[in-house]
Amino acid sequence: MQSNRVRLMLVALFGVLALGALTAAAAQAVEAPRWSIGGTDLAEGKTHYISTKAYRPFVLRTGNITLTCTVAKLKEGSLLGSSAGNPGKDNEVIEFSTCTIKGTVGGKTIEKCKPSEPIVTSAITSELVETEKAVPGTSGSLLTLFAPAAGSVFTTFTFTPETGGVCPSTTKVTGQVIGQVLTDPEKEPELGKLVELPNVNSAEAKSWLINFPSTPILKVTLIKGGVATEVTDKQLEAFTEPATLEGTALVLLAKKNATTGLLESEETKWSPLP
């Protein structure tokens, strides 16, 4: 009889300990930034088209070469839904045009040289992340990490020289790049405010900005399965040198025109906030 009581007490004790462990694990889970549309989270398996345009010119810089494009748009683009504790993602293919190049190559000044257009990226996957150490109880801001969906190549540049012109050789752009998520002040080209964390204002808006600062962001916090992990970015490379990307994109929801099949921006409000 005594031994039965002891066994029951041990079972109850282990049950309390196990429940405590589960409760502690749940308390430590980190909420990931996810897409919401019209006040409803975009669930895992759901998608929604997006469109974009260059809000400020995009400038790719290396030690000797600067490539500038004033027009950017999505050839393809969709938000990808996620489950709680996992970040929202995108699938996209970006087109850049109205581009110019300057600098030096092989000790010669680049001149009479035209980048082949449009410059079309590989398939890209982007993911909502946070600044380094941006976990509940700390300050930080919302970011987006862009990387090739497969392999390491973002895009390939080719150039056409005029008679007597000097151009770089065909080159690949590789690596990853991180952009800041900003509010849209609707005063182009004025930048909005950083979306700060922890989120205290979950208001949705019809458009958001993704800003790539002149000083690249190299460390971020990824949240997957409710667990936050700090990672270091694989910096861009172009023309066999480290590269930086500067510029700003305006992003809106979109829908397909039933007649033309083309994507058209829509006014529905949405949010990338946790």
C-alpha atoms as a PDB file:
ATOM      1  CA  MET A   1       0.000   0.000   0.000  1.00  0.00           C
ATOM      2  CA  GLN A   2       2.793   2.359   0.941  1.00  0.00           C
ATOM      3  CA  SER A   3       4.665   1.564  -2.295  1.00  0.00           C
ATOM      4  CA  ASN A   4       1.508   2.348  -4.344  1.00  0.00           C
ATOM      5  CA  ARG A   5       1.274   5.760  -2.671  1.00  0.00           C
ATOM      6  CA  VAL A   6       4.944   6.446  -3.465  1.00  0.00           C
ATOM      7  CA  ARG A   7       4.434   5.473  -7.092  1.00  0.00           C
ATOM      8  CA  LEU A   8       1.397   7.745  -7.385  1.00  0.00           C
ATOM      9  CA  MET A   9       3.328  10.632  -5.831  1.00  0.00           C
ATOM     10  CA  LEU A  10       6.239  10.093  -8.240  1.00  0.00           C
ATOM     11  CA  VAL A  11       3.913   9.974 -11.247  1.00  0.00           C
ATOM     12  CA  ALA A  12       2.223  13.198 -10.110  1.00  0.00           C
ATOM     13  CA  LEU A  13       5.614  14.862  -9.532  1.00  0.00           C
ATOM     14  CA  PHE A  14       6.912  13.893 -12.978  1.00  0.00           C
ATOM     15  CA  GLY A  15       3.660  15.141 -14.498  1.00  0.00           C
ATOM     16  CA  VAL A  16       4.059  18.539 -12.810  1.00  0.00           C
ATOM     17  CA  LEU A  17       7.698  18.755 -13.930  1.00  0.00           C
ATOM     18  CA  ALA A  18       6.805  17.847 -17.514  1.00  0.00           C
ATOM     19  CA  LEU A  19       3.994  20.399 -17.593  1.00  0.00           C
ATOM     20  CA  GLY A  20       6.377  23.018 -16.210  1.00  0.00           C
ATOM     21  CA  ALA A  21       8.915  22.245 -18.936  1.00  0.00           C
ATOM     22  CA  LEU A  22       6.280  22.518 -21.643  1.00  0.00           C
ATOM     23  CA  THR A  23       5.015  25.803 -20.197  1.00  0.00           C
ATOM     24  CA  ALA A  24       8.554  27.214 -20.051  1.00  0.00           C
ATOM     25  CA  ALA A  25       9.229  26.200 -23.662  1.00  0.00           C
ATOM     26  CA  ALA A  26       5.989  27.834 -24.770  1.00  0.00           C
ATOM     27  CA  ALA A  27       6.839  31.004 -22.848  1.00  0.00           C
ATOM     28  CA  GLN A  28      10.205  31.227 -24.647  1.00  0.00           C
ATOM     29  CA  ALA A  29       8.711  30.852 -28.142  1.00  0.00           C
ATOM     30  CA  VAL A  30       9.285  33.944 -30.282  1.00  0.00           C
ATOM     31  CA  GLU A  31       6.541  35.306 -32.526  1.00  0.00           C
ATOM     32  CA  ALA A  32       7.742  35.644 -36.111  1.00  0.00           C
ATOM     33  CA  PRO A  33       6.774  38.513 -38.451  1.00  0.00           C
ATOM     34  CA  ARG A  34       4.017  37.293 -40.783  1.00  0.00           C
ATOM     35  CA  TRP A  35       1.933  38.756 -43.576  1.00  0.00           C
ATOM     36  CA  SER A  36      -1.603  39.894 -42.864  1.00  0.00           C
ATOM     37  CA  ILE A  37      -4.138  41.106 -45.421  1.00  0.00           C
ATOM     38  CA  GLY A  38      -7.283  42.939 -44.410  1.00  0.00           C
ATOM     39  CA  GLY A  39      -6.729  42.032 -40.763  1.00  0.00           C
ATOM     40  CA  THR A  40      -6.256  38.289 -41.369  1.00  0.00           C
ATOM     41  CA  ASP A  41      -2.933  36.423 -41.225  1.00  0.00           C
ATOM     42  CA  LEU A  42      -1.891  34.913 -44.544  1.00  0.00           C
ATOM     43  CA  ALA A  43      -1.876  31.251 -43.538  1.00  0.00           C
ATOM     44  CA  GLU A  44       0.638  28.624 -44.615  1.00  0.00           C
ATOM     45  CA  GLY A  45      -0.124  27.444 -48.157  1.00  0.00           C
ATOM     46  CA  LYS A  46      -1.855  30.714 -49.097  1.00  0.00           C
ATOM     47  CA  THR A  47      -0.365  33.248 -51.544  1.00  0.00           C
ATOM     48  CA  HIS A  48      -1.103  36.746 -52.826  1.00  0.00           C
ATOM     49  CA  TYR A  49       0.374  38.636 -55.768  1.00  0.00           C
ATOM     50  CA  ILE A  50       2.491  41.742 -55.181  1.00  0.00           C
ATOM     51  CA  SER A  51       3.850  44.494 -57.410  1.00  0.00           C
ATOM     52  CA  THR A  52       6.735  46.909 -56.959  1.00  0.00           C
ATOM     53  CA  LYS A  53       8.521  49.885 -58.470  1.00  0.00           C
ATOM     54  CA  ALA A  54      11.764  51.761 -57.856  1.00  0.00           C
ATOM     55  CA  TYR A  55      10.995  54.461 -55.284  1.00  0.00           C
ATOM     56  CA  ARG A  56      14.636  55.575 -55.346  1.00  0.00           C
ATOM     57  CA  PRO A  57      17.230  54.462 -57.950  1.00  0.00           C
ATOM     58  CA  PHE A  58      19.081  51.195 -57.372  1.00  0.00           C
ATOM     59  CA  VAL A  59      22.858  51.538 -57.271  1.00  0.00           C
ATOM     60  CA  LEU A  60      25.245  48.556 -57.250  1.00  0.00           C
ATOM     61  CA  ARG A  61      28.794  49.535 -56.223  1.00  0.00           C
ATOM     62  CA  THR A  62      32.124  47.757 -56.170  1.00  0.00           C
ATOM     63  CA  GLY A  63      35.585  49.239 -55.650  1.00  0.00           C
ATOM     64  CA  ASN A  64      35.878  50.379 -59.274  1.00  0.00           C
ATOM     65  CA  ILE A  65      32.431  50.141 -60.872  1.00  0.00           C
ATOM     66  CA  THR A  66      29.019  51.715 -60.241  1.00  0.00           C
ATOM     67  CA  LEU A  67      25.884  50.451 -61.999  1.00  0.00           C
ATOM     68  CA  THR A  68      22.701  52.537 -61.594  1.00  0.00           C
ATOM     69  CA  CYS A  69      19.146  51.569 -62.608  1.00  0.00           C
ATOM     70  CA  THR A  70      16.237  53.978 -62.242  1.00  0.00           C
ATOM     71  CA  VAL A  71      13.450  51.533 -63.163  1.00  0.00           C
ATOM     72  CA  ALA A  72      12.607  48.290 -61.347  1.00  0.00           C
ATOM     73  CA  LYS A  73       9.535  46.068 -61.389  1.00  0.00           C
ATOM     74  CA  LEU A  74       8.498  42.525 -60.597  1.00  0.00           C
ATOM     75  CA  LYS A  75       8.264  40.137 -63.498  1.00  0.00           C
ATOM     76  CA  GLU A  76       6.765  37.730 -60.971  1.00  0.00           C
ATOM     77  CA  GLY A  77       5.986  38.233 -57.301  1.00  0.00           C
ATOM     78  CA  SER A  78       3.888  36.651 -54.554  1.00  0.00           C
ATOM     79  CA  LEU A  79       3.618  36.741 -50.782  1.00  0.00           C
ATOM     80  CA  LEU A  80       3.836  33.275 -49.214  1.00  0.00           C
ATOM     81  CA  GLY A  81       1.806  32.573 -46.095  1.00  0.00           C
ATOM     82  CA  SER A  82       3.237  30.955 -42.968  1.00  0.00           C
ATOM     83  CA  SER A  83       2.206  29.248 -39.750  1.00  0.00           C
ATOM     84  CA  ALA A  84       2.547  30.878 -36.320  1.00  0.00           C
ATOM     85  CA  GLY A  85       6.181  31.135 -35.223  1.00  0.00           C
ATOM     86  CA  ASN A  86       7.439  31.127 -38.818  1.00  0.00           C
ATOM     87  CA  PRO A  87       8.181  34.187 -40.987  1.00  0.00           C
ATOM     88  CA  GLY A  88       6.339  35.363 -44.062  1.00  0.00           C
ATOM     89  CA  LYS A  89       8.246  34.911 -47.335  1.00  0.00           C
ATOM     90  CA  ASP A  90       8.073  36.038 -50.989  1.00  0.00           C
ATOM     91  CA  ASN A  91       8.840  34.496 -54.349  1.00  0.00           C
ATOM     92  CA  GLU A  92       9.921  37.016 -56.980  1.00  0.00           C
ATOM     93  CA  VAL A  93      11.776  37.718 -60.208  1.00  0.00           C
ATOM     94  CA  ILE A  94      12.892  41.347 -60.588  1.00  0.00           C
ATOM     95  CA  GLU A  95      13.554  43.348 -63.775  1.00  0.00           C
ATOM     96  CA  PHE A  96      15.834  46.405 -63.782  1.00  0.00           C
ATOM     97  CA  SER A  97      16.079  48.836 -66.694  1.00  0.00           C
ATOM     98  CA  THR A  98      17.172  52.353 -67.687  1.00  0.00           C
ATOM     99  CA  CYS A  99      20.641  51.479 -66.406  1.00  0.00           C
ATOM    100  CA  THR A 100      24.028  53.165 -66.747  1.00  0.00           C
ATOM    101  CA  ILE A 101      27.546  52.107 -65.788  1.00  0.00           C
ATOM    102  CA  LYS A 102      30.688  54.043 -64.909  1.00  0.00           C
ATOM    103  CA  GLY A 103      34.102  53.359 -63.401  1.00  0.00           C
ATOM    104  CA  THR A 104      37.249  51.623 -64.556  1.00  0.00           C
ATOM    105  CA  VAL A 105      38.119  48.149 -65.762  1.00  0.00           C
ATOM    106  CA  GLY A 106      41.641  46.888 -66.436  1.00  0.00           C
ATOM    107  CA  GLY A 107      42.954  50.364 -65.746  1.00  0.00           C
ATOM    108  CA  LYS A 108      40.754  51.907 -68.452  1.00  0.00           C
ATOM    109  CA  THR A 109      37.778  54.222 -67.985  1.00  0.00           C
ATOM    110  CA  ILE A 110      34.431  52.638 -68.841  1.00  0.00           C
ATOM    111  CA  GLU A 111      32.848  54.638 -71.661  1.00  0.00           C
ATOM    112  CA  LYS A 112      30.402  54.220 -74.519  1.00  0.00           C
ATOM    113  CA  CYS A 113      29.131  51.145 -72.708  1.00  0.00           C
ATOM    114  CA  LYS A 114      25.499  50.058 -72.362  1.00  0.00           C
ATOM    115  CA  PRO A 115      24.241  47.365 -69.951  1.00  0.00           C
ATOM    116  CA  SER A 116      22.046  44.833 -71.764  1.00  0.00           C
ATOM    117  CA  GLU A 117      18.426  45.310 -70.657  1.00  0.00           C
ATOM    118  CA  PRO A 118      16.250  44.334 -69.021  1.00  0.00           C
ATOM    119  CA  ILE A 119      18.481  42.975 -66.276  1.00  0.00           C
ATOM    120  CA  VAL A 120      16.428  40.029 -64.984  1.00  0.00           C
ATOM    121  CA  THR A 121      17.250  38.311 -61.708  1.00  0.00           C
ATOM    122  CA  SER A 122      17.163  34.613 -60.994  1.00  0.00           C
ATOM    123  CA  ALA A 123      14.195  33.360 -58.976  1.00  0.00           C
ATOM    124  CA  ILE A 124      14.545  34.988 -55.560  1.00  0.00           C
ATOM    125  CA  THR A 125      13.111  34.074 -52.176  1.00  0.00           C
ATOM    126  CA  SER A 126      12.840  36.815 -49.566  1.00  0.00           C
ATOM    127  CA  GLU A 127      12.067  36.314 -45.896  1.00  0.00           C
ATOM    128  CA  LEU A 128      10.979  38.598 -43.071  1.00  0.00           C
ATOM    129  CA  VAL A 129      13.744  38.796 -40.456  1.00  0.00           C
ATOM    130  CA  GLU A 130      14.697  41.145 -37.634  1.00  0.00           C
ATOM    131  CA  THR A 131      17.724  43.173 -36.650  1.00  0.00           C
ATOM    132  CA  GLU A 132      20.411  41.464 -34.607  1.00  0.00           C
ATOM    133  CA  LYS A 133      19.156  40.596 -31.097  1.00  0.00           C
ATOM    134  CA  ALA A 134      15.682  41.889 -31.957  1.00  0.00           C
ATOM    135  CA  VAL A 135      13.722  39.589 -29.668  1.00  0.00           C
ATOM    136  CA  PRO A 136      10.850  40.383 -27.258  1.00  0.00           C
ATOM    137  CA  GLY A 137      11.938  42.882 -24.646  1.00  0.00           C
ATOM    138  CA  THR A 138      14.646  44.447 -26.823  1.00  0.00           C
ATOM    139  CA  SER A 139      14.538  47.199 -29.407  1.00  0.00           C
ATOM    140  CA  GLY A 140      15.109  46.478 -33.073  1.00  0.00           C
ATOM    141  CA  SER A 141      13.495  46.776 -36.467  1.00  0.00           C
ATOM    142  CA  LEU A 142      11.991  44.652 -39.208  1.00  0.00           C
ATOM    143  CA  LEU A 143      14.121  43.579 -42.197  1.00  0.00           C
ATOM    144  CA  THR A 144      13.808  41.470 -45.343  1.00  0.00           C
ATOM    145  CA  LEU A 145      16.518  39.019 -46.426  1.00  0.00           C
ATOM    146  CA  PHE A 146      16.785  38.408 -50.191  1.00  0.00           C
ATOM    147  CA  ALA A 147      18.617  35.388 -51.595  1.00  0.00           C
ATOM    148  CA  PRO A 148      18.575  33.296 -54.793  1.00  0.00           C
ATOM    149  CA  ALA A 149      16.005  30.509 -54.491  1.00  0.00           C
ATOM    150  CA  ALA A 150      18.635  28.050 -55.735  1.00  0.00           C
ATOM    151  CA  GLY A 151      22.401  28.399 -55.952  1.00  0.00           C
ATOM    152  CA  SER A 152      24.153  31.720 -55.323  1.00  0.00           C
ATOM    153  CA  VAL A 153      23.608  33.778 -58.513  1.00  0.00           C
ATOM    154  CA  PHE A 154      21.295  36.798 -58.278  1.00  0.00           C
ATOM    155  CA  THR A 155      21.697  37.867 -61.881  1.00  0.00           C
ATOM    156  CA  THR A 156      24.185  38.092 -64.748  1.00  0.00           C
ATOM    157  CA  PHE A 157      25.306  41.381 -66.301  1.00  0.00           C
ATOM    158  CA  THR A 158      26.256  41.636 -69.966  1.00  0.00           C
ATOM    159  CA  PHE A 159      27.399  44.809 -71.740  1.00  0.00           C
ATOM    160  CA  THR A 160      27.466  46.140 -75.294  1.00  0.00           C
ATOM    161  CA  PRO A 161      30.217  48.643 -76.222  1.00  0.00           C
ATOM    162  CA  GLU A 162      29.775  51.235 -78.938  1.00  0.00           C
ATOM    163  CA  THR A 163      32.590  51.676 -81.462  1.00  0.00           C
ATOM    164  CA  GLY A 164      35.709  52.467 -79.461  1.00  0.00           C
ATOM    165  CA  GLY A 165      33.903  51.868 -76.194  1.00  0.00           C
ATOM    166  CA  VAL A 166      35.252  50.138 -73.080  1.00  0.00           C
ATOM    167  CA  CYS A 167      33.046  47.680 -71.139  1.00  0.00           C
ATOM    168  CA  PRO A 168      33.552  45.125 -68.358  1.00  0.00           C
ATOM    169  CA  SER A 169      33.287  41.445 -69.178  1.00  0.00           C
ATOM    170  CA  THR A 170      30.075  39.534 -68.502  1.00  0.00           C
ATOM    171  CA  THR A 171      29.796  39.105 -64.733  1.00  0.00           C
ATOM    172  CA  LYS A 172      27.595  37.339 -62.190  1.00  0.00           C
ATOM    173  CA  VAL A 173      26.205  38.958 -59.039  1.00  0.00           C
ATOM    174  CA  THR A 174      26.184  36.494 -56.134  1.00  0.00           C
ATOM    175  CA  GLY A 175      25.346  36.428 -52.420  1.00  0.00           C
ATOM    176  CA  GLN A 176      22.496  37.854 -50.360  1.00  0.00           C
ATOM    177  CA  VAL A 177      21.205  41.324 -49.519  1.00  0.00           C
ATOM    178  CA  ILE A 178      19.141  42.716 -46.639  1.00  0.00           C
ATOM    179  CA  GLY A 179      16.645  45.580 -46.800  1.00  0.00           C
ATOM    180  CA  GLN A 180      14.936  47.633 -44.084  1.00  0.00           C
ATOM    181  CA  VAL A 181      11.125  47.628 -43.908  1.00  0.00           C
ATOM    182  CA  LEU A 182       9.848  51.226 -43.778  1.00  0.00           C
ATOM    183  CA  THR A 183       6.446  52.851 -43.708  1.00  0.00           C
ATOM    184  CA  ASP A 184       5.404  54.644 -46.907  1.00  0.00           C
ATOM    185  CA  PRO A 185       4.975  58.403 -46.304  1.00  0.00           C
ATOM    186  CA  GLU A 186       3.431  58.734 -49.795  1.00  0.00           C
ATOM    187  CA  LYS A 187       5.824  61.632 -50.484  1.00  0.00           C
ATOM    188  CA  GLU A 188       8.174  60.106 -53.049  1.00  0.00           C
ATOM    189  CA  PRO A 189      11.196  59.996 -52.761  1.00  0.00           C
ATOM    190  CA  GLU A 190      10.980  60.782 -49.002  1.00  0.00           C
ATOM    191  CA  LEU A 191      11.611  57.748 -46.814  1.00  0.00           C
ATOM    192  CA  GLY A 192       9.242  56.660 -44.067  1.00  0.00           C
ATOM    193  CA  LYS A 193      10.024  55.356 -40.589  1.00  0.00           C
ATOM    194  CA  LEU A 194      11.691  52.090 -39.685  1.00  0.00           C
ATOM    195  CA  VAL A 195       9.181  49.467 -38.588  1.00  0.00           C
ATOM    196  CA  GLU A 196      10.357  49.031 -35.002  1.00  0.00           C
ATOM    197  CA  LEU A 197      10.156  45.962 -32.796  1.00  0.00           C
ATOM    198  CA  PRO A 198       8.590  44.904 -30.561  1.00  0.00           C
ATOM    199  CA  ASN A 199       5.580  45.967 -32.578  1.00  0.00           C
ATOM    200  CA  VAL A 200       3.385  48.500 -30.825  1.00  0.00           C
ATOM    201  CA  ASN A 201       1.385  49.588 -33.850  1.00  0.00           C
ATOM    202  CA  SER A 202       0.017  46.831 -36.078  1.00  0.00           C
ATOM    203  CA  ALA A 203      -1.844  49.151 -38.448  1.00  0.00           C
ATOM    204  CA  GLU A 204      -2.003  47.874 -42.013  1.00  0.00           C
ATOM    205  CA  ALA A 205      -1.254  50.099 -45.011  1.00  0.00           C
ATOM    206  CA  LYS A 206      -1.722  49.881 -48.774  1.00  0.00           C
ATOM    207  CA  SER A 207       2.047  50.100 -49.439  1.00  0.00           C
ATOM    208  CA  TRP A 208       5.411  49.628 -47.731  1.00  0.00           C
ATOM    209  CA  LEU A 209       9.016  50.494 -48.579  1.00  0.00           C
ATOM    210  CA  ILE A 210      12.022  48.173 -48.718  1.00  0.00           C
ATOM    211  CA  ASN A 211      15.155  50.267 -48.322  1.00  0.00           C
ATOM    212  CA  PHE A 212      18.682  49.032 -48.998  1.00  0.00           C
ATOM    213  CA  PRO A 213      21.018  51.374 -47.048  1.00  0.00           C
ATOM    214  CA  SER A 214      24.436  52.454 -48.316  1.00  0.00           C
ATOM    215  CA  THR A 215      26.044  50.615 -45.390  1.00  0.00           C
ATOM    216  CA  PRO A 216      25.046  46.961 -45.806  1.00  0.00           C
ATOM    217  CA  ILE A 217      23.338  45.078 -42.981  1.00  0.00           C
ATOM    218  CA  LEU A 218      25.362  41.935 -42.311  1.00  0.00           C
ATOM    219  CA  LYS A 219      23.740  40.300 -39.264  1.00  0.00           C
ATOM    220  CA  VAL A 220      20.083  39.457 -38.682  1.00  0.00           C
ATOM    221  CA  THR A 221      17.835  37.420 -36.419  1.00  0.00           C
ATOM    222  CA  LEU A 222      15.858  34.656 -38.140  1.00  0.00           C
ATOM    223  CA  ILE A 223      12.813  33.175 -36.416  1.00  0.00           C
ATOM    224  CA  LYS A 224      11.713  29.670 -37.352  1.00  0.00           C
ATOM    225  CA  GLY A 225       9.489  27.385 -35.319  1.00  0.00           C
ATOM    226  CA  GLY A 226       9.342  30.082 -32.654  1.00  0.00           C
ATOM    227  CA  VAL A 227      13.128  29.985 -32.184  1.00  0.00           C
ATOM    228  CA  ALA A 228      15.309  33.065 -32.830  1.00  0.00           C
ATOM    229  CA  THR A 229      18.767  32.531 -34.316  1.00  0.00           C
ATOM    230  CA  GLU A 230      21.364  35.136 -35.273  1.00  0.00           C
ATOM    231  CA  VAL A 231      23.009  34.646 -38.677  1.00  0.00           C
ATOM    232  CA  THR A 232      25.590  36.499 -40.777  1.00  0.00           C
ATOM    233  CA  ASP A 233      24.681  37.566 -44.297  1.00  0.00           C
ATOM    234  CA  LYS A 234      26.597  36.318 -47.368  1.00  0.00           C
ATOM    235  CA  GLN A 235      27.592  39.695 -48.778  1.00  0.00           C
ATOM    236  CA  LEU A 236      27.030  40.509 -52.435  1.00  0.00           C
ATOM    237  CA  GLU A 237      29.867  40.129 -54.923  1.00  0.00           C
ATOM    238  CA  ALA A 238      30.096  41.533 -58.453  1.00  0.00           C
ATOM    239  CA  PHE A 239      32.944  42.056 -60.901  1.00  0.00           C
ATOM    240  CA  THR A 240      34.982  39.683 -58.647  1.00  0.00           C
ATOM    241  CA  GLU A 241      34.787  42.178 -55.752  1.00  0.00           C
ATOM    242  CA  PRO A 242      32.588  42.718 -52.668  1.00  0.00           C
ATOM    243  CA  ALA A 243      29.564  44.811 -53.671  1.00  0.00           C
ATOM    244  CA  THR A 244      26.847  46.889 -52.050  1.00  0.00           C
ATOM    245  CA  LEU A 245      23.309  47.597 -53.233  1.00  0.00           C
ATOM    246  CA  GLU A 246      21.591  50.879 -52.399  1.00  0.00           C
ATOM    247  CA  GLY A 247      18.037  51.887 -53.319  1.00  0.00           C
ATOM    248  CA  THR A 248      14.396  51.723 -52.305  1.00  0.00           C
ATOM    249  CA  ALA A 249      11.405  49.784 -53.622  1.00  0.00           C
ATOM    250  CA  LEU A 250       7.705  50.518 -53.118  1.00  0.00           C
ATOM    251  CA  VAL A 251       5.669  47.326 -52.623  1.00  0.00           C
ATOM    252  CA  LEU A 252       1.890  46.904 -53.001  1.00  0.00           C
ATOM    253  CA  LEU A 253      -0.546  44.031 -53.247  1.00  0.00           C
ATOM    254  CA  ALA A 254      -1.598  43.097 -56.769  1.00  0.00           C
ATOM    255  CA  LYS A 255      -4.144  41.060 -58.710  1.00  0.00           C
ATOM    256  CA  LYS A 256      -4.264  39.676 -62.241  1.00  0.00           C
ATOM    257  CA  ASN A 257      -6.361  41.485 -64.820  1.00  0.00           C
ATOM    258  CA  ALA A 258      -8.957  38.986 -66.023  1.00  0.00           C
ATOM    259  CA  THR A 259      -8.635  40.226 -69.613  1.00  0.00           C
ATOM    260  CA  THR A 260      -4.910  40.876 -70.081  1.00  0.00           C
ATOM    261  CA  GLY A 261      -3.500  38.486 -67.465  1.00  0.00           C
ATOM    262  CA  LEU A 262      -1.168  41.255 -66.310  1.00  0.00           C
ATOM    263  CA  LEU A 263      -0.630  42.164 -62.668  1.00  0.00           C
ATOM    264  CA  GLU A 264      -2.274  45.357 -61.433  1.00  0.00           C
ATOM    265  CA  SER A 265      -1.697  47.056 -58.088  1.00  0.00           C
ATOM    266  CA  GLU A 266      -4.617  47.038 -55.656  1.00  0.00           C
ATOM    267  CA  GLU A 267      -5.533  49.281 -52.742  1.00  0.00           C
ATOM    268  CA  THR A 268      -6.124  46.555 -50.135  1.00  0.00           C
ATOM    269  CA  LYS A 269      -4.329  47.223 -46.852  1.00  0.00           C
ATOM    270  CA  TRP A 270      -1.786  44.692 -45.590  1.00  0.00           C
ATOM    271  CA  SER A 271       1.084  44.372 -43.152  1.00  0.00           C
ATOM    272  CA  PRO A 272       4.410  42.534 -42.610  1.00  0.00           C
ATOM    273  CA  LEU A 273       4.274  42.994 -38.834  1.00  0.00           C
ATOM    274  CA  PRO A 274       4.450  40.255 -36.185  1.00  0.00           C
END
